[in-house]
Each structure stands twice: as C-alpha cells, then as structure tokens.
C-alpha cells in the first residue's frame, strides 16, 4: 500500500489483509514509535502525561529529500567559455504534497 507523502515504516510490509476503519489505529508502534516529542519530555514523562497520544507530535509527512545524479561523485566539471552551461540532474521531494522550493548550488 502506498500513500504518497506519508511514512510507511522502516521496511517493506507483506500484507495478507487490510482493515479500513473510521478511527485512528491504537497500535502500540503507531503511538510510541512515530512521534517526535519536545526535548524536555522523556519516556517516563510521556507515559505519565499522555504525550504519546497528542496528535501534534505524530510523524506523517516525509522530510525533504533529494539527490544529485549529475555531476557524478568526484566528477570535475570543466566550463568551456564557449559553452558555459552544465545541466544538473537529480530529484527532490517532500511529503504531504509540499513542493520543495529553492535550489542552492555552492
């Protein structure tokens, strides 16, 4: 199952069955593994105060990610004064249908 822009865990899952529900899953890993809590909240405090169940700390969106395909790693790009352009190739994406905006070359 692919849901564009959302994390599907850390490995491929082989499914035998899919259950569609009207509510969020109460699976242990859904709550305790897919969260980023504030630095001052340790596991003990999270358990005592219910931080694991606060929806604002769930990780659903993917971080911006990208790669440069050309030039290759350690490739030297020589600029010809008569042809002063080089076409870079690669990709960039982010989750939840957010388009990566600027590209900075250094």
C-alpha atoms as a PDB file:
ATOM      1  CA  UNK A   1       0.000   0.000   0.000  1.00  0.00           C
ATOM      2  CA  UNK A   2       1.468   3.349  -0.997  1.00  0.00           C
ATOM      3  CA  UNK A   3       0.165   6.581   0.432  1.00  0.00           C
ATOM      4  CA  UNK A   4       2.027   9.446  -1.271  1.00  0.00           C
ATOM      5  CA  UNK A   5       3.744  11.761   1.187  1.00  0.00           C
ATOM      6  CA  UNK A   6       3.374   9.517   4.236  1.00  0.00           C
ATOM      7  CA  UNK A   7       5.868   7.294   6.013  1.00  0.00           C
ATOM      8  CA  UNK A   8       5.131   3.584   5.773  1.00  0.00           C
ATOM      9  CA  UNK A   9       7.520   2.440   8.467  1.00  0.00           C
ATOM     10  CA  UNK A  10      11.096   1.365   8.068  1.00  0.00           C
ATOM     11  CA  UNK A  11      10.677  -1.741   5.939  1.00  0.00           C
ATOM     12  CA  UNK A  12       8.505  -3.346   3.324  1.00  0.00           C
ATOM     13  CA  UNK A  13       5.414  -4.990   4.763  1.00  0.00           C
ATOM     14  CA  UNK A  14       3.920  -8.063   3.109  1.00  0.00           C
ATOM     15  CA  UNK A  15       0.195  -7.805   3.631  1.00  0.00           C
ATOM     16  CA  UNK A  16      -2.285 -10.641   3.927  1.00  0.00           C
ATOM     17  CA  UNK A  17      -5.177  -8.411   4.928  1.00  0.00           C
ATOM     18  CA  UNK A  18      -6.092  -4.716   5.036  1.00  0.00           C
ATOM     19  CA  UNK A  19      -8.645  -3.425   7.508  1.00  0.00           C
ATOM     20  CA  UNK A  20     -10.148   0.003   6.839  1.00  0.00           C
ATOM     21  CA  UNK A  21     -11.565   1.775   9.877  1.00  0.00           C
ATOM     22  CA  UNK A  22     -13.095   5.125  10.631  1.00  0.00           C
ATOM     23  CA  UNK A  23     -10.756   5.694  13.582  1.00  0.00           C
ATOM     24  CA  UNK A  24      -7.027   6.063  14.048  1.00  0.00           C
ATOM     25  CA  UNK A  25      -5.159   2.858  14.883  1.00  0.00           C
ATOM     26  CA  UNK A  26      -4.450   2.144  18.563  1.00  0.00           C
ATOM     27  CA  UNK A  27      -1.407   0.025  17.653  1.00  0.00           C
ATOM     28  CA  UNK A  28       1.479   0.362  20.128  1.00  0.00           C
ATOM     29  CA  UNK A  29       4.012   1.315  17.445  1.00  0.00           C
ATOM     30  CA  UNK A  30       1.708   3.849  15.840  1.00  0.00           C
ATOM     31  CA  UNK A  31       1.770   5.858  19.048  1.00  0.00           C
ATOM     32  CA  UNK A  32       5.139   5.040  20.585  1.00  0.00           C
ATOM     33  CA  UNK A  33       7.359   4.890  17.510  1.00  0.00           C
ATOM     34  CA  UNK A  34       6.034   7.548  15.128  1.00  0.00           C
ATOM     35  CA  UNK A  35       6.392  10.605  17.374  1.00  0.00           C
ATOM     36  CA  UNK A  36       8.916  13.361  17.924  1.00  0.00           C
ATOM     37  CA  UNK A  37       8.396  14.832  21.357  1.00  0.00           C
ATOM     38  CA  UNK A  38       9.902  18.047  22.737  1.00  0.00           C
ATOM     39  CA  UNK A  39      13.390  17.729  24.236  1.00  0.00           C
ATOM     40  CA  UNK A  40      12.124  18.228  27.804  1.00  0.00           C
ATOM     41  CA  UNK A  41       9.784  15.205  27.541  1.00  0.00           C
ATOM     42  CA  UNK A  42      11.444  11.891  28.365  1.00  0.00           C
ATOM     43  CA  UNK A  43       9.743   8.477  28.057  1.00  0.00           C
ATOM     44  CA  UNK A  44       8.645   8.499  31.715  1.00  0.00           C
ATOM     45  CA  UNK A  45       7.010  11.931  31.437  1.00  0.00           C
ATOM     46  CA  UNK A  46       5.445  10.968  28.077  1.00  0.00           C
ATOM     47  CA  UNK A  47       3.858   7.901  29.664  1.00  0.00           C
ATOM     48  CA  UNK A  48       2.669   9.740  32.799  1.00  0.00           C
ATOM     49  CA  UNK A  49       1.216  12.738  30.972  1.00  0.00           C
ATOM     50  CA  UNK A  50      -0.075  11.062  27.791  1.00  0.00           C
ATOM     51  CA  UNK A  51       2.311  12.824  25.393  1.00  0.00           C
ATOM     52  CA  UNK A  52       2.350   9.797  23.064  1.00  0.00           C
ATOM     53  CA  UNK A  53      -1.294  10.435  22.167  1.00  0.00           C
ATOM     54  CA  UNK A  54      -1.014  14.133  21.301  1.00  0.00           C
ATOM     55  CA  UNK A  55      -1.640  14.401  17.538  1.00  0.00           C
ATOM     56  CA  UNK A  56       0.633  17.410  17.028  1.00  0.00           C
ATOM     57  CA  UNK A  57       3.727  15.226  17.622  1.00  0.00           C
ATOM     58  CA  UNK A  58       2.992  12.447  15.109  1.00  0.00           C
ATOM     59  CA  UNK A  59       5.354  11.951  12.170  1.00  0.00           C
ATOM     60  CA  UNK A  60       3.339  11.535   8.989  1.00  0.00           C
ATOM     61  CA  UNK A  61       4.995  13.843   6.496  1.00  0.00           C
ATOM     62  CA  UNK A  62       8.288  12.913   4.922  1.00  0.00           C
ATOM     63  CA  UNK A  63      11.260  15.198   5.322  1.00  0.00           C
ATOM     64  CA  UNK A  64      12.517  16.926   2.211  1.00  0.00           C
ATOM     65  CA  UNK A  65      14.848  14.570   0.434  1.00  0.00           C
ATOM     66  CA  UNK A  66      16.833  14.727  -2.779  1.00  0.00           C
ATOM     67  CA  UNK A  67      19.860  13.574  -4.679  1.00  0.00           C
ATOM     68  CA  UNK A  68      22.104  14.872  -7.436  1.00  0.00           C
ATOM     69  CA  UNK A  69      22.617  12.385 -10.283  1.00  0.00           C
ATOM     70  CA  UNK A  70      24.902  14.535 -12.437  1.00  0.00           C
ATOM     71  CA  UNK A  71      27.616  15.558 -11.925  1.00  0.00           C
ATOM     72  CA  UNK A  72      28.757  12.220 -10.530  1.00  0.00           C
ATOM     73  CA  UNK A  73      30.522  11.962  -7.171  1.00  0.00           C
ATOM     74  CA  UNK A  74      34.016  13.474  -7.502  1.00  0.00           C
ATOM     75  CA  UNK A  75      33.384  14.418 -11.134  1.00  0.00           C
ATOM     76  CA  UNK A  76      35.234  17.516 -12.265  1.00  0.00           C
ATOM     77  CA  UNK A  77      33.077  19.845 -14.325  1.00  0.00           C
ATOM     78  CA  UNK A  78      35.099  21.864 -16.799  1.00  0.00           C
ATOM     79  CA  UNK A  79      33.457  25.034 -18.009  1.00  0.00           C
ATOM     80  CA  UNK A  80      34.151  25.835 -21.636  1.00  0.00           C
ATOM     81  CA  UNK A  81      33.993  29.641 -22.200  1.00  0.00           C
ATOM     82  CA  UNK A  82      32.183  28.989 -25.494  1.00  0.00           C
ATOM     83  CA  UNK A  83      29.674  26.660 -23.780  1.00  0.00           C
ATOM     84  CA  UNK A  84      29.402  27.997 -20.193  1.00  0.00           C
ATOM     85  CA  UNK A  85      26.464  25.806 -19.128  1.00  0.00           C
ATOM     86  CA  UNK A  86      26.220  22.420 -17.440  1.00  0.00           C
ATOM     87  CA  UNK A  87      22.933  20.584 -16.957  1.00  0.00           C
ATOM     88  CA  UNK A  88      22.491  19.279 -13.427  1.00  0.00           C
ATOM     89  CA  UNK A  89      20.235  16.265 -12.981  1.00  0.00           C
ATOM     90  CA  UNK A  90      18.630  14.916  -9.843  1.00  0.00           C
ATOM     91  CA  UNK A  91      15.442  14.940  -7.850  1.00  0.00           C
ATOM     92  CA  UNK A  92      13.851  16.433  -4.756  1.00  0.00           C
ATOM     93  CA  UNK A  93      10.636  15.586  -2.966  1.00  0.00           C
ATOM     94  CA  UNK A  94       8.822  16.229   0.266  1.00  0.00           C
ATOM     95  CA  UNK A  95       5.743  14.752   1.832  1.00  0.00           C
ATOM     96  CA  UNK A  96       2.136  15.842   2.039  1.00  0.00           C
ATOM     97  CA  UNK A  97       2.153  17.360  -1.433  1.00  0.00           C
ATOM     98  CA  UNK A  98       4.553  20.173  -0.481  1.00  0.00           C
ATOM     99  CA  UNK A  99       6.804  21.162  -3.367  1.00  0.00           C
ATOM    100  CA  UNK A 100      10.478  21.769  -2.496  1.00  0.00           C
ATOM    101  CA  UNK A 101      11.118  25.380  -3.476  1.00  0.00           C
ATOM    102  CA  UNK A 102      14.653  26.783  -3.641  1.00  0.00           C
ATOM    103  CA  UNK A 103      17.696  25.068  -5.064  1.00  0.00           C
ATOM    104  CA  UNK A 104      21.026  26.393  -3.823  1.00  0.00           C
ATOM    105  CA  UNK A 105      24.245  25.438  -5.559  1.00  0.00           C
ATOM    106  CA  UNK A 106      27.520  26.073  -3.820  1.00  0.00           C
END
